[in-house]
mmCIF file of all heavy atoms, coordinates in Angstrom:
data_MODEL
# 
_entry.id   MODEL 
# 
loop_
_atom_site.group_PDB 
_atom_site.id 
_atom_site.type_symbol 
_atom_site.label_atom_id 
_atom_site.label_alt_id 
_atom_site.label_comp_id 
_atom_site.label_asym_id 
_atom_site.label_entity_id 
_atom_site.label_seq_id 
_atom_site.pdbx_PDB_ins_code 
_atom_site.Cartn_x 
_atom_site.Cartn_y 
_atom_site.Cartn_z 
_atom_site.occupancy 
_atom_site.B_iso_or_equiv 
_atom_site.pdbx_formal_charge 
_atom_site.auth_seq_id 
_atom_site.auth_comp_id 
_atom_site.auth_asym_id 
_atom_site.auth_atom_id 
_atom_site.pdbx_PDB_model_num 
ATOM 1   N N   . ARG A 1 1  ? 116.785 79.979  94.223 1.00 0.00 ? 1  ARG A N   1 
ATOM 2   C CA  . ARG A 1 1  ? 115.415 80.442  94.420 1.00 0.00 ? 1  ARG A CA  1 
ATOM 3   C C   . ARG A 1 1  ? 115.380 81.691  95.295 1.00 0.00 ? 1  ARG A C   1 
ATOM 4   O O   . ARG A 1 1  ? 114.617 82.627  95.036 1.00 0.00 ? 1  ARG A O   1 
ATOM 5   C CB  . ARG A 1 1  ? 114.566 79.327  95.035 1.00 0.00 ? 1  ARG A CB  1 
ATOM 6   C CG  . ARG A 1 1  ? 113.095 79.686  95.176 1.00 0.00 ? 1  ARG A CG  1 
ATOM 7   C CD  . ARG A 1 1  ? 112.487 80.024  93.838 1.00 0.00 ? 1  ARG A CD  1 
ATOM 8   N NE  . ARG A 1 1  ? 111.076 80.408  93.961 1.00 0.00 ? 1  ARG A NE  1 
ATOM 9   C CZ  . ARG A 1 1  ? 110.451 81.212  93.117 1.00 0.00 ? 1  ARG A CZ  1 
ATOM 10  N NH1 . ARG A 1 1  ? 111.105 81.744  92.095 1.00 0.00 ? 1  ARG A NH1 1 
ATOM 11  N NH2 . ARG A 1 1  ? 109.187 81.506  93.279 1.00 0.00 ? 1  ARG A NH2 1 
ATOM 12  N N   . VAL A 1 2  ? 116.191 81.723  96.336 1.00 0.00 ? 2  VAL A N   1 
ATOM 13  C CA  . VAL A 1 2  ? 116.275 82.909  97.196 1.00 0.00 ? 2  VAL A CA  1 
ATOM 14  C C   . VAL A 1 2  ? 116.788 84.104  96.398 1.00 0.00 ? 2  VAL A C   1 
ATOM 15  O O   . VAL A 1 2  ? 116.266 85.221  96.507 1.00 0.00 ? 2  VAL A O   1 
ATOM 16  C CB  . VAL A 1 2  ? 117.188 82.641  98.409 1.00 0.00 ? 2  VAL A CB  1 
ATOM 17  C CG1 . VAL A 1 2  ? 117.450 83.934  99.181 1.00 0.00 ? 2  VAL A CG1 1 
ATOM 18  C CG2 . VAL A 1 2  ? 116.561 81.597  99.331 1.00 0.00 ? 2  VAL A CG2 1 
ATOM 19  N N   . PHE A 1 3  ? 117.797 83.861  95.569 1.00 0.00 ? 3  PHE A N   1 
ATOM 20  C CA  . PHE A 1 3  ? 118.348 84.903  94.706 1.00 0.00 ? 3  PHE A CA  1 
ATOM 21  C C   . PHE A 1 3  ? 117.272 85.432  93.760 1.00 0.00 ? 3  PHE A C   1 
ATOM 22  O O   . PHE A 1 3  ? 117.110 86.651  93.596 1.00 0.00 ? 3  PHE A O   1 
ATOM 23  C CB  . PHE A 1 3  ? 119.524 84.335  93.912 1.00 0.00 ? 3  PHE A CB  1 
ATOM 24  C CG  . PHE A 1 3  ? 120.130 85.289  92.919 1.00 0.00 ? 3  PHE A CG  1 
ATOM 25  C CD1 . PHE A 1 3  ? 121.068 86.226  93.312 1.00 0.00 ? 3  PHE A CD1 1 
ATOM 26  C CD2 . PHE A 1 3  ? 119.764 85.233  91.581 1.00 0.00 ? 3  PHE A CD2 1 
ATOM 27  C CE1 . PHE A 1 3  ? 121.632 87.098  92.395 1.00 0.00 ? 3  PHE A CE1 1 
ATOM 28  C CE2 . PHE A 1 3  ? 120.315 86.102  90.659 1.00 0.00 ? 3  PHE A CE2 1 
ATOM 29  C CZ  . PHE A 1 3  ? 121.252 87.040  91.060 1.00 0.00 ? 3  PHE A CZ  1 
ATOM 30  N N   . ASP A 1 4  ? 116.519 84.517  93.149 1.00 0.00 ? 4  ASP A N   1 
ATOM 31  C CA  . ASP A 1 4  ? 115.464 84.900  92.210 1.00 0.00 ? 4  ASP A CA  1 
ATOM 32  C C   . ASP A 1 4  ? 114.383 85.732  92.890 1.00 0.00 ? 4  ASP A C   1 
ATOM 33  O O   . ASP A 1 4  ? 113.967 86.779  92.386 1.00 0.00 ? 4  ASP A O   1 
ATOM 34  C CB  . ASP A 1 4  ? 114.827 83.657  91.579 1.00 0.00 ? 4  ASP A CB  1 
ATOM 35  C CG  . ASP A 1 4  ? 115.697 83.015  90.522 1.00 0.00 ? 4  ASP A CG  1 
ATOM 36  O OD1 . ASP A 1 4  ? 116.622 83.691  90.023 1.00 0.00 ? 4  ASP A OD1 1 
ATOM 37  O OD2 . ASP A 1 4  ? 115.456 81.846  90.185 1.00 0.00 ? 4  ASP A OD2 1 
ATOM 38  N N   . LEU A 1 5  ? 113.904 85.247  94.027 1.00 0.00 ? 5  LEU A N   1 
ATOM 39  C CA  . LEU A 1 5  ? 112.837 85.950  94.732 1.00 0.00 ? 5  LEU A CA  1 
ATOM 40  C C   . LEU A 1 5  ? 113.288 87.326  95.200 1.00 0.00 ? 5  LEU A C   1 
ATOM 41  O O   . LEU A 1 5  ? 112.532 88.304  95.096 1.00 0.00 ? 5  LEU A O   1 
ATOM 42  C CB  . LEU A 1 5  ? 112.365 85.124  95.933 1.00 0.00 ? 5  LEU A CB  1 
ATOM 43  C CG  . LEU A 1 5  ? 111.541 83.878  95.613 1.00 0.00 ? 5  LEU A CG  1 
ATOM 44  C CD1 . LEU A 1 5  ? 111.286 83.069  96.883 1.00 0.00 ? 5  LEU A CD1 1 
ATOM 45  C CD2 . LEU A 1 5  ? 110.207 84.258  94.971 1.00 0.00 ? 5  LEU A CD2 1 
ATOM 46  N N   . SER A 1 6  ? 114.504 87.402  95.693 1.00 0.00 ? 6  SER A N   1 
ATOM 47  C CA  . SER A 1 6  ? 115.021 88.683  96.197 1.00 0.00 ? 6  SER A CA  1 
ATOM 48  C C   . SER A 1 6  ? 115.182 89.691  95.068 1.00 0.00 ? 6  SER A C   1 
ATOM 49  O O   . SER A 1 6  ? 114.688 90.827  95.152 1.00 0.00 ? 6  SER A O   1 
ATOM 50  C CB  . SER A 1 6  ? 116.362 88.469  96.909 1.00 0.00 ? 6  SER A CB  1 
ATOM 51  O OG  . SER A 1 6  ? 116.233 87.574  97.991 1.00 0.00 ? 6  SER A OG  1 
ATOM 52  N N   . LEU A 1 7  ? 115.855 89.280  93.989 1.00 0.00 ? 7  LEU A N   1 
ATOM 53  C CA  . LEU A 1 7  ? 116.124 90.200  92.896 1.00 0.00 ? 7  LEU A CA  1 
ATOM 54  C C   . LEU A 1 7  ? 114.847 90.570  92.151 1.00 0.00 ? 7  LEU A C   1 
ATOM 55  O O   . LEU A 1 7  ? 114.631 91.740  91.804 1.00 0.00 ? 7  LEU A O   1 
ATOM 56  C CB  . LEU A 1 7  ? 117.133 89.580  91.928 1.00 0.00 ? 7  LEU A CB  1 
ATOM 57  C CG  . LEU A 1 7  ? 117.642 90.480  90.796 1.00 0.00 ? 7  LEU A CG  1 
ATOM 58  C CD1 . LEU A 1 7  ? 118.226 91.768  91.357 1.00 0.00 ? 7  LEU A CD1 1 
ATOM 59  C CD2 . LEU A 1 7  ? 118.692 89.740  89.963 1.00 0.00 ? 7  LEU A CD2 1 
ATOM 60  N N   . ALA A 1 8  ? 113.968 89.594  91.915 1.00 0.00 ? 8  ALA A N   1 
ATOM 61  C CA  . ALA A 1 8  ? 112.717 89.873  91.210 1.00 0.00 ? 8  ALA A CA  1 
ATOM 62  C C   . ALA A 1 8  ? 111.837 90.822  92.022 1.00 0.00 ? 8  ALA A C   1 
ATOM 63  O O   . ALA A 1 8  ? 111.206 91.737  91.460 1.00 0.00 ? 8  ALA A O   1 
ATOM 64  C CB  . ALA A 1 8  ? 111.968 88.569  90.928 1.00 0.00 ? 8  ALA A CB  1 
ATOM 65  N N   . SER A 1 9  ? 111.784 90.645  93.329 1.00 0.00 ? 9  SER A N   1 
ATOM 66  C CA  . SER A 1 9  ? 110.973 91.518  94.179 1.00 0.00 ? 9  SER A CA  1 
ATOM 67  C C   . SER A 1 9  ? 111.500 92.943  94.170 1.00 0.00 ? 9  SER A C   1 
ATOM 68  O O   . SER A 1 9  ? 110.726 93.911  94.066 1.00 0.00 ? 9  SER A O   1 
ATOM 69  C CB  . SER A 1 9  ? 110.952 90.983  95.621 1.00 0.00 ? 9  SER A CB  1 
ATOM 70  O OG  . SER A 1 9  ? 110.374 89.695  95.678 1.00 0.00 ? 9  SER A OG  1 
ATOM 71  N N   . ILE A 1 10 ? 112.813 93.080  94.267 1.00 0.00 ? 10 ILE A N   1 
ATOM 72  C CA  . ILE A 1 10 ? 113.427 94.414  94.261 1.00 0.00 ? 10 ILE A CA  1 
ATOM 73  C C   . ILE A 1 10 ? 113.182 95.114  92.928 1.00 0.00 ? 10 ILE A C   1 
ATOM 74  O O   . ILE A 1 10 ? 112.774 96.288  92.878 1.00 0.00 ? 10 ILE A O   1 
ATOM 75  C CB  . ILE A 1 10 ? 114.939 94.307  94.546 1.00 0.00 ? 10 ILE A CB  1 
ATOM 76  C CG1 . ILE A 1 10 ? 115.178 93.862  95.990 1.00 0.00 ? 10 ILE A CG1 1 
ATOM 77  C CG2 . ILE A 1 10 ? 115.635 95.650  94.287 1.00 0.00 ? 10 ILE A CG2 1 
ATOM 78  C CD1 . ILE A 1 10 ? 116.621 93.519  96.293 1.00 0.00 ? 10 ILE A CD1 1 
ATOM 79  N N   . LEU A 1 11 ? 113.411 94.394  91.818 1.00 0.00 ? 11 LEU A N   1 
ATOM 80  C CA  . LEU A 1 11 ? 113.217 94.989  90.490 1.00 0.00 ? 11 LEU A CA  1 
ATOM 81  C C   . LEU A 1 11 ? 111.748 95.319  90.235 1.00 0.00 ? 11 LEU A C   1 
ATOM 82  O O   . LEU A 1 11 ? 111.437 96.337  89.608 1.00 0.00 ? 11 LEU A O   1 
ATOM 83  C CB  . LEU A 1 11 ? 113.745 94.042  89.414 1.00 0.00 ? 11 LEU A CB  1 
ATOM 84  C CG  . LEU A 1 11 ? 115.259 93.894  89.332 1.00 0.00 ? 11 LEU A CG  1 
ATOM 85  C CD1 . LEU A 1 11 ? 115.644 92.859  88.279 1.00 0.00 ? 11 LEU A CD1 1 
ATOM 86  C CD2 . LEU A 1 11 ? 115.913 95.232  89.011 1.00 0.00 ? 11 LEU A CD2 1 
ATOM 87  N N   . PHE A 1 12 ? 110.858 94.461  90.716 1.00 0.00 ? 12 PHE A N   1 
ATOM 88  C CA  . PHE A 1 12 ? 109.421 94.717  90.536 1.00 0.00 ? 12 PHE A CA  1 
ATOM 89  C C   . PHE A 1 12 ? 109.025 96.026  91.218 1.00 0.00 ? 12 PHE A C   1 
ATOM 90  O O   . PHE A 1 12 ? 108.336 96.870  90.626 1.00 0.00 ? 12 PHE A O   1 
ATOM 91  C CB  . PHE A 1 12 ? 108.617 93.555  91.109 1.00 0.00 ? 12 PHE A CB  1 
ATOM 92  C CG  . PHE A 1 12 ? 107.129 93.690  90.905 1.00 0.00 ? 12 PHE A CG  1 
ATOM 93  C CD1 . PHE A 1 12 ? 106.552 93.343  89.701 1.00 0.00 ? 12 PHE A CD1 1 
ATOM 94  C CD2 . PHE A 1 12 ? 106.322 94.186  91.919 1.00 0.00 ? 12 PHE A CD2 1 
ATOM 95  C CE1 . PHE A 1 12 ? 105.182 93.478  89.497 1.00 0.00 ? 12 PHE A CE1 1 
ATOM 96  C CE2 . PHE A 1 12 ? 104.957 94.321  91.737 1.00 0.00 ? 12 PHE A CE2 1 
ATOM 97  C CZ  . PHE A 1 12 ? 104.383 93.971  90.515 1.00 0.00 ? 12 PHE A CZ  1 
ATOM 98  N N   . VAL A 1 13 ? 109.473 96.226  92.458 1.00 0.00 ? 13 VAL A N   1 
ATOM 99  C CA  . VAL A 1 13 ? 109.137 97.445  93.206 1.00 0.00 ? 13 VAL A CA  1 
ATOM 100 C C   . VAL A 1 13 ? 109.774 98.675  92.559 1.00 0.00 ? 13 VAL A C   1 
ATOM 101 O O   . VAL A 1 13 ? 109.126 99.720  92.403 1.00 0.00 ? 13 VAL A O   1 
ATOM 102 C CB  . VAL A 1 13 ? 109.587 97.316  94.677 1.00 0.00 ? 13 VAL A CB  1 
ATOM 103 C CG1 . VAL A 1 13 ? 109.420 98.652  95.404 1.00 0.00 ? 13 VAL A CG1 1 
ATOM 104 C CG2 . VAL A 1 13 ? 108.794 96.228  95.384 1.00 0.00 ? 13 VAL A CG2 1 
ATOM 105 N N   . LEU A 1 14 ? 111.039 98.559  92.154 1.00 0.00 ? 14 LEU A N   1 
ATOM 106 C CA  . LEU A 1 14 ? 111.756 99.698  91.583 1.00 0.00 ? 14 LEU A CA  1 
ATOM 107 C C   . LEU A 1 14 ? 111.204 100.124 90.225 1.00 0.00 ? 14 LEU A C   1 
ATOM 108 O O   . LEU A 1 14 ? 111.190 101.319 89.884 1.00 0.00 ? 14 LEU A O   1 
ATOM 109 C CB  . LEU A 1 14 ? 113.247 99.381  91.454 1.00 0.00 ? 14 LEU A CB  1 
ATOM 110 C CG  . LEU A 1 14 ? 114.032 99.244  92.758 1.00 0.00 ? 14 LEU A CG  1 
ATOM 111 C CD1 . LEU A 1 14 ? 115.484 98.876  92.464 1.00 0.00 ? 14 LEU A CD1 1 
ATOM 112 C CD2 . LEU A 1 14 ? 113.975 100.542 93.564 1.00 0.00 ? 14 LEU A CD2 1 
ATOM 113 N N   . THR A 1 15 ? 110.769 99.139  89.438 1.00 0.00 ? 15 THR A N   1 
ATOM 114 C CA  . THR A 1 15 ? 110.308 99.460  88.078 1.00 0.00 ? 15 THR A CA  1 
ATOM 115 C C   . THR A 1 15 ? 108.800 99.667  87.985 1.00 0.00 ? 15 THR A C   1 
ATOM 116 O O   . THR A 1 15 ? 108.307 100.110 86.939 1.00 0.00 ? 15 THR A O   1 
ATOM 117 C CB  . THR A 1 15 ? 110.695 98.331  87.093 1.00 0.00 ? 15 THR A CB  1 
ATOM 118 O OG1 . THR A 1 15 ? 110.044 97.102  87.480 1.00 0.00 ? 15 THR A OG1 1 
ATOM 119 C CG2 . THR A 1 15 ? 112.201 98.139  87.065 1.00 0.00 ? 15 THR A CG2 1 
ATOM 120 N N   . LEU A 1 16 ? 108.077 99.379  89.054 1.00 0.00 ? 16 LEU A N   1 
ATOM 121 C CA  . LEU A 1 16 ? 106.609 99.474  89.007 1.00 0.00 ? 16 LEU A CA  1 
ATOM 122 C C   . LEU A 1 16 ? 106.111 100.848 88.538 1.00 0.00 ? 16 LEU A C   1 
ATOM 123 O O   . LEU A 1 16 ? 105.120 100.912 87.791 1.00 0.00 ? 16 LEU A O   1 
ATOM 124 C CB  . LEU A 1 16 ? 106.020 99.124  90.371 1.00 0.00 ? 16 LEU A CB  1 
ATOM 125 C CG  . LEU A 1 16 ? 104.505 98.852  90.402 1.00 0.00 ? 16 LEU A CG  1 
ATOM 126 C CD1 . LEU A 1 16 ? 104.144 97.733  89.425 1.00 0.00 ? 16 LEU A CD1 1 
ATOM 127 C CD2 . LEU A 1 16 ? 104.049 98.500  91.818 1.00 0.00 ? 16 LEU A CD2 1 
ATOM 128 N N   . PRO A 1 17 ? 106.749 101.971 88.926 1.00 0.00 ? 17 PRO A N   1 
ATOM 129 C CA  . PRO A 1 17 ? 106.289 103.274 88.422 1.00 0.00 ? 17 PRO A CA  1 
ATOM 130 C C   . PRO A 1 17 ? 106.362 103.395 86.898 1.00 0.00 ? 17 PRO A C   1 
ATOM 131 O O   . PRO A 1 17 ? 105.638 104.210 86.309 1.00 0.00 ? 17 PRO A O   1 
ATOM 132 C CB  . PRO A 1 17 ? 107.243 104.267 89.103 1.00 0.00 ? 17 PRO A CB  1 
ATOM 133 C CG  . PRO A 1 17 ? 107.685 103.582 90.352 1.00 0.00 ? 17 PRO A CG  1 
ATOM 134 C CD  . PRO A 1 17 ? 107.797 102.129 89.957 1.00 0.00 ? 17 PRO A CD  1 
ATOM 135 N N   . LEU A 1 18 ? 107.222 102.607 86.247 1.00 0.00 ? 18 LEU A N   1 
ATOM 136 C CA  . LEU A 1 18 ? 107.341 102.660 84.791 1.00 0.00 ? 18 LEU A CA  1 
ATOM 137 C C   . LEU A 1 18 ? 106.223 101.911 84.082 1.00 0.00 ? 18 LEU A C   1 
ATOM 138 O O   . LEU A 1 18 ? 105.917 102.214 82.920 1.00 0.00 ? 18 LEU A O   1 
ATOM 139 C CB  . LEU A 1 18 ? 108.688 102.064 84.348 1.00 0.00 ? 18 LEU A CB  1 
ATOM 140 C CG  . LEU A 1 18 ? 109.965 102.779 84.801 1.00 0.00 ? 18 LEU A CG  1 
ATOM 141 C CD1 . LEU A 1 18 ? 111.177 101.974 84.345 1.00 0.00 ? 18 LEU A CD1 1 
ATOM 142 C CD2 . LEU A 1 18 ? 110.011 104.183 84.238 1.00 0.00 ? 18 LEU A CD2 1 
ATOM 143 N N   . TRP A 1 19 ? 105.623 100.956 84.748 1.00 0.00 ? 19 TRP A N   1 
ATOM 144 C CA  . TRP A 1 19 ? 104.646 100.087 84.106 1.00 0.00 ? 19 TRP A CA  1 
ATOM 145 C C   . TRP A 1 19 ? 103.462 100.857 83.520 1.00 0.00 ? 19 TRP A C   1 
ATOM 146 O O   . TRP A 1 19 ? 103.107 100.635 82.352 1.00 0.00 ? 19 TRP A O   1 
ATOM 147 C CB  . TRP A 1 19 ? 104.163 99.014  85.081 1.00 0.00 ? 19 TRP A CB  1 
ATOM 148 C CG  . TRP A 1 19 ? 105.186 97.952  85.376 1.00 0.00 ? 19 TRP A CG  1 
ATOM 149 C CD1 . TRP A 1 19 ? 106.508 98.149  85.660 1.00 0.00 ? 19 TRP A CD1 1 
ATOM 150 C CD2 . TRP A 1 19 ? 104.978 96.536  85.425 1.00 0.00 ? 19 TRP A CD2 1 
ATOM 151 N NE1 . TRP A 1 19 ? 107.136 96.954  85.902 1.00 0.00 ? 19 TRP A NE1 1 
ATOM 152 C CE2 . TRP A 1 19 ? 106.228 95.951  85.757 1.00 0.00 ? 19 TRP A CE2 1 
ATOM 153 C CE3 . TRP A 1 19 ? 103.879 95.726  85.234 1.00 0.00 ? 19 TRP A CE3 1 
ATOM 154 C CZ2 . TRP A 1 19 ? 106.395 94.587  85.882 1.00 0.00 ? 19 TRP A CZ2 1 
ATOM 155 C CZ3 . TRP A 1 19 ? 104.031 94.354  85.368 1.00 0.00 ? 19 TRP A CZ3 1 
ATOM 156 C CH2 . TRP A 1 19 ? 105.275 93.782  85.687 1.00 0.00 ? 19 TRP A CH2 1 
ATOM 157 N N   . PRO A 1 20 ? 102.830 101.797 84.259 1.00 0.00 ? 20 PRO A N   1 
ATOM 158 C CA  . PRO A 1 20 ? 101.706 102.540 83.667 1.00 0.00 ? 20 PRO A CA  1 
ATOM 159 C C   . PRO A 1 20 ? 102.125 103.350 82.447 1.00 0.00 ? 20 PRO A C   1 
ATOM 160 O O   . PRO A 1 20 ? 101.359 103.463 81.478 1.00 0.00 ? 20 PRO A O   1 
ATOM 161 C CB  . PRO A 1 20 ? 101.251 103.464 84.809 1.00 0.00 ? 20 PRO A CB  1 
ATOM 162 C CG  . PRO A 1 20 ? 101.736 102.800 86.054 1.00 0.00 ? 20 PRO A CG  1 
ATOM 163 C CD  . PRO A 1 20 ? 103.028 102.156 85.672 1.00 0.00 ? 20 PRO A CD  1 
ATOM 164 N N   . LEU A 1 21 ? 103.342 103.915 82.463 1.00 0.00 ? 21 LEU A N   1 
ATOM 165 C CA  . LEU A 1 21 ? 103.827 104.701 81.332 1.00 0.00 ? 21 LEU A CA  1 
ATOM 166 C C   . LEU A 1 21 ? 104.042 103.820 80.107 1.00 0.00 ? 21 LEU A C   1 
ATOM 167 O O   . LEU A 1 21 ? 103.689 104.196 78.984 1.00 0.00 ? 21 LEU A O   1 
ATOM 168 C CB  . LEU A 1 21 ? 105.131 105.410 81.719 1.00 0.00 ? 21 LEU A CB  1 
ATOM 169 C CG  . LEU A 1 21 ? 105.058 106.388 82.897 1.00 0.00 ? 21 LEU A CG  1 
ATOM 170 C CD1 . LEU A 1 21 ? 106.446 106.948 83.208 1.00 0.00 ? 21 LEU A CD1 1 
ATOM 171 C CD2 . LEU A 1 21 ? 104.079 107.515 82.591 1.00 0.00 ? 21 LEU A CD2 1 
ATOM 172 N N   . ILE A 1 22 ? 104.643 102.646 80.331 1.00 0.00 ? 22 ILE A N   1 
ATOM 173 C CA  . ILE A 1 22 ? 104.864 101.706 79.233 1.00 0.00 ? 22 ILE A CA  1 
ATOM 174 C C   . ILE A 1 22 ? 103.534 101.230 78.661 1.00 0.00 ? 22 ILE A C   1 
ATOM 175 O O   . ILE A 1 22 ? 103.337 101.179 77.435 1.00 0.00 ? 22 ILE A O   1 
ATOM 176 C CB  . ILE A 1 22 ? 105.703 100.506 79.717 1.00 0.00 ? 22 ILE A CB  1 
ATOM 177 C CG1 . ILE A 1 22 ? 107.117 100.955 80.108 1.00 0.00 ? 22 ILE A CG1 1 
ATOM 178 C CG2 . ILE A 1 22 ? 105.774 99.427  78.630 1.00 0.00 ? 22 ILE A CG2 1 
ATOM 179 C CD1 . ILE A 1 22 ? 107.941 99.869  80.768 1.00 0.00 ? 22 ILE A CD1 1 
ATOM 180 N N   . MET A 1 23 ? 102.608 100.901 79.524 1.00 0.00 ? 23 MET A N   1 
ATOM 181 C CA  . MET A 1 23 ? 101.305 100.415 79.096 1.00 0.00 ? 23 MET A CA  1 
ATOM 182 C C   . MET A 1 23 ? 100.545 101.473 78.302 1.00 0.00 ? 23 MET A C   1 
ATOM 183 O O   . MET A 1 23 ? 99.919  101.179 77.282 1.00 0.00 ? 23 MET A O   1 
ATOM 184 C CB  . MET A 1 23 ? 100.492 99.970  80.324 1.00 0.00 ? 23 MET A CB  1 
ATOM 185 C CG  . MET A 1 23 ? 101.093 98.776  81.042 1.00 0.00 ? 23 MET A CG  1 
ATOM 186 S SD  . MET A 1 23 ? 100.383 98.444  82.682 1.00 0.00 ? 23 MET A SD  1 
ATOM 187 C CE  . MET A 1 23 ? 98.810  97.754  82.207 1.00 0.00 ? 23 MET A CE  1 
ATOM 188 N N   . LEU A 1 24 ? 100.637 102.741 78.751 1.00 0.00 ? 24 LEU A N   1 
ATOM 189 C CA  . LEU A 1 24 ? 99.976  103.839 78.037 1.00 0.00 ? 24 LEU A CA  1 
ATOM 190 C C   . LEU A 1 24 ? 100.600 104.040 76.658 1.00 0.00 ? 24 LEU A C   1 
ATOM 191 O O   . LEU A 1 24 ? 99.887  104.229 75.662 1.00 0.00 ? 24 LEU A O   1 
ATOM 192 C CB  . LEU A 1 24 ? 100.069 105.123 78.859 1.00 0.00 ? 24 LEU A CB  1 
ATOM 193 C CG  . LEU A 1 24 ? 99.408  106.374 78.249 1.00 0.00 ? 24 LEU A CG  1 
ATOM 194 C CD1 . LEU A 1 24 ? 97.918  106.138 78.076 1.00 0.00 ? 24 LEU A CD1 1 
ATOM 195 C CD2 . LEU A 1 24 ? 99.678  107.588 79.123 1.00 0.00 ? 24 LEU A CD2 1 
ATOM 196 N N   . ALA A 1 25 ? 101.939 103.979 76.585 1.00 0.00 ? 25 ALA A N   1 
ATOM 197 C CA  . ALA A 1 25 ? 102.640 104.159 75.305 1.00 0.00 ? 25 ALA A CA  1 
ATOM 198 C C   . ALA A 1 25 ? 102.254 103.070 74.311 1.00 0.00 ? 25 ALA A C   1 
ATOM 199 O O   . ALA A 1 25 ? 102.037 103.338 73.127 1.00 0.00 ? 25 ALA A O   1 
ATOM 200 C CB  . ALA A 1 25 ? 104.148 104.161 75.539 1.00 0.00 ? 25 ALA A CB  1 
ATOM 201 N N   . ILE A 1 26 ? 102.161 101.833 74.793 1.00 0.00 ? 26 ILE A N   1 
ATOM 202 C CA  . ILE A 1 26 ? 101.773 100.722 73.920 1.00 0.00 ? 26 ILE A CA  1 
ATOM 203 C C   . ILE A 1 26 ? 100.345 100.915 73.423 1.00 0.00 ? 26 ILE A C   1 
ATOM 204 O O   . ILE A 1 26 ? 100.045 100.731 72.235 1.00 0.00 ? 26 ILE A O   1 
ATOM 205 C CB  . ILE A 1 26 ? 101.893 99.377  74.671 1.00 0.00 ? 26 ILE A CB  1 
ATOM 206 C CG1 . ILE A 1 26 ? 103.360 99.086  74.999 1.00 0.00 ? 26 ILE A CG1 1 
ATOM 207 C CG2 . ILE A 1 26 ? 101.309 98.237  73.837 1.00 0.00 ? 26 ILE A CG2 1 
ATOM 208 C CD1 . ILE A 1 26 ? 103.553 97.890  75.909 1.00 0.00 ? 26 ILE A CD1 1 
ATOM 209 N N   . LYS A 1 27 ? 99.459  101.293 74.329 1.00 0.00 ? 27 LYS A N   1 
ATOM 210 C CA  . LYS A 1 27 ? 98.042  101.442 73.991 1.00 0.00 ? 27 LYS A CA  1 
ATOM 211 C C   . LYS A 1 27 ? 97.826  102.563 72.979 1.00 0.00 ? 27 LYS A C   1 
ATOM 212 O O   . LYS A 1 27 ? 97.009  102.445 72.052 1.00 0.00 ? 27 LYS A O   1 
ATOM 213 C CB  . LYS A 1 27 ? 97.242  101.726 75.263 1.00 0.00 ? 27 LYS A CB  1 
ATOM 214 C CG  . LYS A 1 27 ? 95.759  101.387 75.157 1.00 0.00 ? 27 LYS A CG  1 
ATOM 215 C CD  . LYS A 1 27 ? 95.580  99.877  74.992 1.00 0.00 ? 27 LYS A CD  1 
ATOM 216 C CE  . LYS A 1 27 ? 94.104  99.505  74.910 1.00 0.00 ? 27 LYS A CE  1 
ATOM 217 N NZ  . LYS A 1 27 ? 93.926  98.059  74.654 1.00 0.00 ? 27 LYS A NZ  1 
ATOM 218 N N   . LEU A 1 28 ? 98.569  103.655 73.123 1.00 0.00 ? 28 LEU A N   1 
ATOM 219 C CA  . LEU A 1 28 ? 98.394  104.801 72.229 1.00 0.00 ? 28 LEU A CA  1 
ATOM 220 C C   . LEU A 1 28 ? 99.053  104.594 70.871 1.00 0.00 ? 28 LEU A C   1 
ATOM 221 O O   . LEU A 1 28 ? 98.659  105.220 69.885 1.00 0.00 ? 28 LEU A O   1 
ATOM 222 C CB  . LEU A 1 28 ? 98.967  106.067 72.886 1.00 0.00 ? 28 LEU A CB  1 
ATOM 223 C CG  . LEU A 1 28 ? 98.228  106.581 74.131 1.00 0.00 ? 28 LEU A CG  1 
ATOM 224 C CD1 . LEU A 1 28 ? 98.971  107.778 74.713 1.00 0.00 ? 28 LEU A CD1 1 
ATOM 225 C CD2 . LEU A 1 28 ? 96.788  106.946 73.791 1.00 0.00 ? 28 LEU A CD2 1 
# 
C-alpha cells in the first residue's frame, strides 16, 4: 500500500500536465 500510494502520487503529479492535452485531443 505504501508502494502504491508513493508511486501513484509521484506519477499523478508528473503526468498531470499531460492530462489537459490528452483530454483536448480526445474531445476534438
